Amino acid sequence: MSKKADKGGCGCAATKLRPLDDRVVVKRLDAEEKTSGGIILPDAAKEKPQRGKVVAAGPGKLLDSGNRATPDVQPGDEVLFGKYSGTEVKVDGEELLIMRESDILAKM
């Protein structure tokens, strides 16, 4: 059985995931190392960031009319999301979030 070519082109684990409907795969951006006052935070004290980069997006939500709504986010967009949004998954050692598009609060 041969492998299909990577459509995303980034070679990352997220390209193996194809989200359904209005779901989006997001990779968290790195947490801040320092506070605004200049204090360096140890790993245990860091909060999980609420910013991430969209690495894959589904085809859009299926409407009652049978058409699909066009997603507002595309791969490569930087987004803000809620603290407890999405489901954390680990693919090839890479931590990713799968969430609905409605869980995304804003695009950066």
Foldseek 3Di string as FASTA:
>chain_A
DDDDDQPLPPPDQCSVDADAAQKWKWAFDDFDQADPVGHGDDPVPTAGAQKTFTQYGHQAHQDPVRDGDHQPDHGGWIFGFDSPFFDWDAGPNGIMGMGGSVRTDGTD
